[in-house]
N, C-alpha and C. Protein backbone atom coordinates (compact mmCIF):
# COMPACT_ATOMS: atom_id res chain seq x y z
N TYR A 1 28.32 -71.57 -2.31
CA TYR A 1 28.37 -71.43 -3.72
C TYR A 1 29.38 -71.80 -4.36
N ALA A 2 29.62 -72.13 -5.42
CA ALA A 2 30.65 -72.48 -6.48
C ALA A 2 30.51 -72.47 -7.85
N THR A 3 31.30 -72.03 -8.59
CA THR A 3 31.03 -71.87 -10.10
C THR A 3 31.68 -73.06 -10.83
N VAL A 4 31.01 -73.40 -11.85
CA VAL A 4 31.84 -74.59 -12.35
C VAL A 4 33.10 -74.29 -13.32
N GLY A 5 33.93 -75.14 -13.25
CA GLY A 5 35.36 -74.76 -13.94
C GLY A 5 36.08 -73.83 -13.50
N SER A 6 35.97 -73.44 -12.10
CA SER A 6 36.77 -72.59 -11.44
C SER A 6 38.25 -73.07 -11.43
N ASN A 7 39.20 -72.74 -11.75
CA ASN A 7 40.48 -73.00 -11.47
C ASN A 7 41.11 -72.31 -10.02
N ILE A 8 40.74 -71.54 -9.54
CA ILE A 8 40.94 -70.77 -8.28
C ILE A 8 40.31 -71.65 -7.22
N LEU A 9 39.38 -72.25 -7.00
CA LEU A 9 39.08 -72.87 -5.86
C LEU A 9 39.53 -74.44 -5.96
N SER A 10 40.07 -74.64 -4.72
CA SER A 10 40.47 -76.21 -4.75
C SER A 10 39.66 -76.98 -4.80
N ALA A 11 39.67 -78.32 -5.12
CA ALA A 11 38.79 -79.56 -5.12
C ALA A 11 38.12 -79.89 -3.82
N ASP A 12 38.78 -79.59 -2.85
CA ASP A 12 38.06 -79.74 -1.60
C ASP A 12 36.97 -78.61 -1.29
N ALA A 13 37.43 -77.40 -1.73
CA ALA A 13 36.37 -76.46 -1.62
C ALA A 13 34.83 -76.73 -2.59
N LEU A 14 35.19 -77.31 -3.80
CA LEU A 14 34.23 -77.57 -4.44
C LEU A 14 33.26 -78.81 -3.84
N LYS A 15 34.00 -79.66 -3.45
CA LYS A 15 33.38 -80.72 -2.79
C LYS A 15 32.50 -80.46 -1.24
N GLN A 16 32.93 -79.01 -0.73
CA GLN A 16 32.20 -78.38 0.15
C GLN A 16 30.88 -77.88 -0.15
N ALA A 17 31.09 -77.36 -1.37
CA ALA A 17 29.98 -76.38 -1.90
C ALA A 17 28.65 -76.98 -2.02
N ASN A 18 27.46 -76.14 -1.36
CA ASN A 18 26.17 -77.02 -1.32
C ASN A 18 25.63 -76.65 -2.49
N ARG A 19 26.05 -75.97 -3.73
CA ARG A 19 25.37 -75.72 -4.78
C ARG A 19 26.40 -75.38 -5.79
N ILE A 20 26.63 -75.94 -6.87
CA ILE A 20 27.63 -75.57 -7.84
C ILE A 20 26.82 -74.92 -9.22
N LEU A 21 27.34 -73.81 -9.69
CA LEU A 21 26.47 -73.27 -10.58
C LEU A 21 27.20 -72.51 -11.71
N GLN A 22 26.90 -72.82 -12.95
CA GLN A 22 27.58 -71.97 -14.19
C GLN A 22 27.76 -70.44 -13.60
N PRO A 23 28.66 -69.92 -14.21
CA PRO A 23 29.01 -68.47 -13.80
C PRO A 23 28.35 -67.12 -14.80
N THR A 24 27.01 -67.39 -14.75
CA THR A 24 26.12 -66.72 -15.45
C THR A 24 25.51 -65.43 -14.73
N LYS A 25 24.95 -64.66 -15.50
CA LYS A 25 24.59 -63.52 -14.90
C LYS A 25 23.35 -63.56 -13.95
N ALA A 26 22.32 -64.64 -14.42
CA ALA A 26 21.18 -64.83 -13.63
C ALA A 26 21.62 -65.66 -12.48
N ASN A 27 22.57 -66.71 -12.57
CA ASN A 27 22.84 -67.49 -11.28
C ASN A 27 23.65 -66.64 -10.38
N PHE A 28 24.39 -65.47 -10.79
CA PHE A 28 25.25 -64.67 -9.80
C PHE A 28 23.88 -63.96 -9.12
N MET A 29 22.99 -63.29 -9.76
CA MET A 29 21.93 -62.57 -9.09
C MET A 29 21.15 -63.29 -8.46
N ASN A 30 20.68 -64.51 -8.64
CA ASN A 30 20.09 -65.44 -7.67
C ASN A 30 20.74 -66.03 -6.62
N ALA A 31 22.07 -66.39 -6.83
CA ALA A 31 22.78 -66.45 -5.42
C ALA A 31 22.67 -65.63 -4.45
N ILE A 32 22.81 -64.22 -4.98
CA ILE A 32 23.10 -63.11 -4.05
C ILE A 32 21.58 -62.99 -3.38
N ARG A 33 20.76 -62.82 -4.10
CA ARG A 33 19.20 -62.97 -3.66
C ARG A 33 18.92 -64.20 -2.55
N ASP A 34 19.59 -65.58 -2.94
CA ASP A 34 18.99 -66.73 -1.88
C ASP A 34 19.69 -66.41 -0.73
N ILE A 35 20.97 -66.00 -0.58
CA ILE A 35 21.71 -65.63 0.57
C ILE A 35 21.09 -64.72 1.60
N VAL A 36 20.44 -63.67 0.92
CA VAL A 36 20.02 -62.43 1.40
C VAL A 36 18.34 -62.91 2.25
N ASP A 37 18.04 -63.65 1.12
CA ASP A 37 16.61 -64.14 1.70
C ASP A 37 16.64 -64.98 2.91
N ARG A 38 18.00 -65.77 2.80
CA ARG A 38 18.22 -66.67 4.27
C ARG A 38 18.06 -65.92 5.59
N GLY A 39 18.49 -64.45 5.36
CA GLY A 39 18.60 -63.75 6.50
C GLY A 39 20.34 -63.21 6.79
N TYR A 40 20.82 -63.62 6.06
CA TYR A 40 22.43 -63.19 6.04
C TYR A 40 22.60 -61.98 5.63
N VAL A 41 23.33 -61.19 5.97
CA VAL A 41 24.02 -59.92 5.69
C VAL A 41 25.23 -60.19 4.67
N LEU A 42 24.94 -59.63 3.64
CA LEU A 42 25.96 -59.87 2.37
C LEU A 42 26.82 -58.75 2.41
N ASN A 43 28.25 -58.73 2.34
CA ASN A 43 29.16 -57.75 1.98
C ASN A 43 29.86 -58.21 1.00
N LEU A 44 29.73 -57.56 -0.42
CA LEU A 44 30.15 -58.11 -1.63
C LEU A 44 31.14 -57.02 -2.27
N TRP A 45 32.47 -57.92 -2.00
CA TRP A 45 33.71 -57.03 -2.81
C TRP A 45 33.88 -57.96 -4.12
N ILE A 46 33.88 -57.30 -5.10
CA ILE A 46 34.03 -58.20 -6.48
C ILE A 46 35.60 -57.64 -6.97
N PHE A 47 36.26 -58.58 -7.10
CA PHE A 47 37.65 -58.57 -7.51
C PHE A 47 37.71 -59.30 -8.88
N SER A 48 37.65 -58.46 -9.96
CA SER A 48 37.59 -59.28 -11.06
C SER A 48 38.15 -58.45 -12.29
N HIS A 49 38.42 -59.31 -13.33
CA HIS A 49 38.66 -58.29 -14.64
C HIS A 49 37.63 -57.86 -15.19
N GLY A 50 37.65 -56.48 -15.61
CA GLY A 50 36.15 -55.79 -16.09
C GLY A 50 36.85 -54.72 -16.74
N SER A 51 35.93 -53.60 -16.87
CA SER A 51 36.27 -52.41 -17.58
C SER A 51 35.09 -51.31 -17.14
N GLU A 52 35.32 -50.19 -17.75
CA GLU A 52 34.21 -49.18 -17.70
C GLU A 52 34.15 -48.44 -19.05
N TYR A 53 32.95 -48.07 -19.04
CA TYR A 53 32.57 -47.23 -20.03
C TYR A 53 31.54 -45.99 -19.59
N VAL A 54 31.30 -45.03 -20.50
CA VAL A 54 30.26 -43.91 -20.50
C VAL A 54 29.13 -43.96 -21.06
N ASP A 55 28.11 -44.33 -20.68
CA ASP A 55 26.73 -44.36 -21.30
C ASP A 55 26.39 -43.10 -21.98
N SER A 56 25.25 -43.31 -22.86
CA SER A 56 24.36 -41.91 -23.73
C SER A 56 24.34 -40.90 -22.79
N ARG A 57 23.95 -41.20 -21.52
CA ARG A 57 23.63 -40.12 -20.63
C ARG A 57 24.88 -39.41 -19.67
N GLY A 58 25.99 -40.21 -20.11
CA GLY A 58 27.16 -39.38 -19.30
C GLY A 58 27.50 -40.16 -18.08
N ASN A 59 26.86 -41.43 -17.75
CA ASN A 59 26.98 -41.98 -16.43
C ASN A 59 28.17 -43.21 -16.85
N LEU A 60 29.01 -43.06 -15.65
CA LEU A 60 30.19 -44.08 -15.72
C LEU A 60 29.52 -45.60 -15.10
N ILE A 61 30.04 -46.48 -16.26
CA ILE A 61 29.24 -47.84 -15.98
C ILE A 61 30.31 -48.81 -15.85
N THR A 62 30.78 -49.30 -14.87
CA THR A 62 31.85 -50.40 -14.47
C THR A 62 30.98 -51.63 -14.62
N TYR A 63 31.95 -52.76 -15.10
CA TYR A 63 31.29 -54.29 -15.06
C TYR A 63 32.36 -54.92 -15.11
N PHE A 64 31.84 -56.18 -15.10
CA PHE A 64 32.91 -57.52 -15.22
C PHE A 64 31.87 -58.45 -15.91
N VAL A 65 32.49 -59.48 -16.45
CA VAL A 65 32.18 -60.22 -17.33
C VAL A 65 31.87 -61.55 -16.92
N ALA A 66 30.41 -62.11 -16.87
CA ALA A 66 30.18 -63.40 -16.89
C ALA A 66 30.11 -64.45 -17.82
N LYS A 67 29.86 -65.46 -17.80
CA LYS A 67 29.92 -66.57 -18.96
C LYS A 67 28.82 -66.05 -19.99
N ASP A 68 27.78 -65.20 -19.55
CA ASP A 68 26.80 -64.62 -20.90
C ASP A 68 26.80 -63.34 -20.98
N GLY A 69 27.65 -62.60 -20.43
CA GLY A 69 27.81 -61.03 -20.72
C GLY A 69 28.00 -60.40 -19.50
N ARG A 70 27.85 -59.07 -19.66
CA ARG A 70 28.49 -58.12 -18.77
C ARG A 70 27.52 -58.21 -17.61
N ILE A 71 28.08 -57.91 -16.23
CA ILE A 71 27.20 -57.62 -15.23
C ILE A 71 27.78 -56.36 -14.92
N THR A 72 26.99 -55.07 -14.98
CA THR A 72 27.36 -53.81 -14.79
C THR A 72 26.96 -53.32 -13.28
N ASN A 73 27.51 -52.30 -12.88
CA ASN A 73 26.95 -51.60 -11.61
C ASN A 73 25.28 -51.28 -11.77
N LYS A 74 25.08 -50.95 -12.97
CA LYS A 74 23.51 -50.59 -12.96
C LYS A 74 22.65 -51.94 -12.81
N ASP A 75 23.19 -52.90 -13.35
CA ASP A 75 22.57 -54.25 -13.18
C ASP A 75 22.21 -54.77 -11.63
N LEU A 76 23.33 -54.50 -10.84
CA LEU A 76 23.30 -54.69 -9.41
C LEU A 76 22.21 -53.68 -8.85
N GLU A 77 22.35 -52.51 -9.26
CA GLU A 77 21.48 -51.33 -8.42
C GLU A 77 19.81 -51.88 -8.82
N ASN A 78 19.75 -52.29 -10.07
CA ASN A 78 18.60 -52.32 -10.42
C ASN A 78 17.96 -53.73 -9.98
N GLU A 79 18.35 -54.58 -9.60
CA GLU A 79 18.29 -55.96 -9.03
C GLU A 79 18.02 -55.83 -7.36
N PHE A 80 19.01 -55.00 -6.87
CA PHE A 80 18.89 -54.77 -5.39
C PHE A 80 18.83 -53.61 -4.76
N GLY A 81 18.77 -52.66 -5.67
CA GLY A 81 18.40 -51.35 -5.13
C GLY A 81 19.85 -50.61 -4.63
N THR A 82 19.62 -49.48 -4.33
CA THR A 82 20.97 -48.59 -3.75
C THR A 82 21.01 -48.53 -2.05
N THR A 83 20.06 -48.80 -1.47
CA THR A 83 19.86 -48.76 -0.12
C THR A 83 21.00 -49.47 0.60
N ALA A 84 22.18 -48.89 1.42
CA ALA A 84 23.10 -49.15 1.88
C ALA A 84 24.25 -49.88 1.10
N CYS A 85 24.08 -49.23 -0.24
CA CYS A 85 25.27 -49.71 -1.13
C CYS A 85 25.81 -48.61 -1.94
N ASP A 86 27.19 -48.68 -2.02
CA ASP A 86 27.84 -47.61 -2.80
C ASP A 86 28.88 -48.30 -3.62
């Protein structure tokens, strides 16, 4: 997978990608789901510009920004659960 408009990936890396997607929240979640559904174990480390805030319940929420908005730690937990995650 690669994202459109990435200036970090080389042209060769983009040519080798089997799918090129817009960097949206849905595409990010679907790409993770697709990789796992194919039987791969995914270790995901996110190095991204982001921030954190405290929600109305006092929970610390961390996030990074996709093309269409924030992707928070709670979004990842809601989508994929918390088994073997921290």
